[in-house]
Amino acid sequence: MLKLLDGLTIHMVSQEMRDLADRYVAAGIFSPLMLSDALHVAAAVLTRQDVLLSRNFKHLVNRRRRAQVNEVNVSLSLPMIEVLAPPEI
């Protein structure tokens, strides 16, 4: 089972990720109570992931929120990200 983890990269949460998550909250994309969701998105963006796969339909897999996240990302010259549910893959 552990062989499935071979080649997997583990990223530690950085201050840059925390700062980006705070920007998402400040922009009203996520509420302060949803900071962990904002941090999840920020980590995916800053580690250059193309897609964030989630079953969190309430907070993450949300078209409006995805568009707002990408607006902030573009304004900061960061890459855009797709937040998708498993059936969308």
Protein backbone atom coordinates (compact mmCIF):
# COMPACT_ATOMS: atom_id res chain seq x y z
CA MET A 1 0.00 0.00 0.00
CA LEU A 2 2.84 2.40 0.82
CA LYS A 3 4.21 1.89 -2.68
CA LEU A 4 1.32 4.06 -3.89
CA LEU A 5 3.08 6.99 -2.22
CA ASP A 6 6.35 6.49 -4.12
CA GLY A 7 7.12 9.59 -6.14
CA LEU A 8 4.52 11.67 -4.32
CA THR A 9 5.65 15.19 -3.47
CA ILE A 10 4.64 16.56 -0.09
CA HIS A 11 4.46 20.35 0.19
CA MET A 12 4.64 22.05 3.56
CA VAL A 13 2.30 24.99 4.16
CA SER A 14 4.29 28.18 3.59
CA GLN A 15 3.75 31.77 4.65
CA GLU A 16 3.10 32.58 0.98
CA MET A 17 0.24 30.06 1.00
CA ARG A 18 -1.16 31.54 4.21
CA ASP A 19 -0.93 35.05 2.73
CA LEU A 20 -2.76 34.01 -0.43
CA ALA A 21 -5.46 32.30 1.62
CA ASP A 22 -5.84 35.53 3.59
CA ARG A 23 -6.25 37.43 0.30
CA TYR A 24 -9.06 35.08 -0.71
CA VAL A 25 -10.76 35.73 2.64
CA ALA A 26 -10.20 39.50 2.39
CA ALA A 27 -11.76 39.43 -1.09
CA GLY A 28 -14.86 37.78 0.38
CA ILE A 29 -14.40 34.57 -1.58
CA PHE A 30 -14.19 32.52 1.59
CA SER A 31 -15.43 33.49 5.04
CA PRO A 32 -12.93 33.51 7.92
CA LEU A 33 -14.50 30.25 9.09
CA MET A 34 -13.52 28.72 5.74
CA LEU A 35 -9.84 29.64 6.04
CA SER A 36 -8.78 25.98 5.74
CA ASP A 37 -10.62 25.76 2.40
CA ALA A 38 -8.91 28.97 1.25
CA LEU A 39 -5.56 27.54 2.32
CA HIS A 40 -6.25 24.33 0.41
CA VAL A 41 -6.85 26.33 -2.78
CA ALA A 42 -3.84 28.58 -2.15
CA ALA A 43 -1.58 25.57 -1.67
CA ALA A 44 -2.79 24.04 -4.93
CA VAL A 45 -2.27 27.31 -6.81
CA LEU A 46 1.19 28.03 -5.44
CA THR A 47 2.42 24.49 -6.06
CA ARG A 48 1.27 24.90 -9.67
CA GLN A 49 -1.43 22.24 -9.69
CA ASP A 50 -3.70 22.38 -12.74
CA VAL A 51 -6.69 20.87 -10.94
CA LEU A 52 -7.91 20.69 -7.36
CA LEU A 53 -10.17 17.66 -7.03
CA SER A 54 -12.73 17.91 -4.25
CA ARG A 55 -16.02 16.50 -3.03
CA ASN A 56 -16.62 19.67 -1.01
CA PHE A 57 -19.52 20.96 -3.08
CA LYS A 58 -20.53 23.60 -0.55
CA HIS A 59 -17.21 25.42 -0.27
CA LEU A 60 -14.87 24.42 -3.08
CA VAL A 61 -16.65 22.94 -6.09
CA ASN A 62 -18.57 26.11 -6.76
CA ARG A 63 -18.49 28.01 -10.09
CA ARG A 64 -18.84 31.45 -8.56
CA ARG A 65 -16.08 30.83 -6.03
CA ARG A 66 -13.81 29.29 -8.67
CA ALA A 67 -14.22 32.38 -10.88
CA GLN A 68 -13.47 34.69 -7.95
CA VAL A 69 -10.37 32.72 -6.98
CA ASN A 70 -9.10 32.96 -10.54
CA GLU A 71 -9.77 36.72 -10.63
CA VAL A 72 -7.55 37.16 -7.57
CA ASN A 73 -4.93 34.82 -9.06
CA VAL A 74 -4.80 36.72 -12.35
CA SER A 75 -4.52 40.06 -10.51
CA LEU A 76 -1.47 38.66 -8.68
CA SER A 77 0.04 37.09 -11.83
CA LEU A 78 -0.63 33.62 -10.47
CA PRO A 79 -1.93 30.69 -12.50
CA MET A 80 -5.60 29.92 -12.74
CA ILE A 81 -6.89 26.67 -11.27
CA GLU A 82 -9.77 24.32 -12.01
CA VAL A 83 -11.66 23.09 -8.96
CA LEU A 84 -13.54 19.98 -10.02
CA ALA A 85 -15.62 17.19 -8.54
CA PRO A 86 -14.64 13.57 -9.26
CA PRO A 87 -17.47 13.05 -11.80
CA GLU A 88 -16.08 15.95 -13.85
CA ILE A 89 -12.76 14.18 -14.46
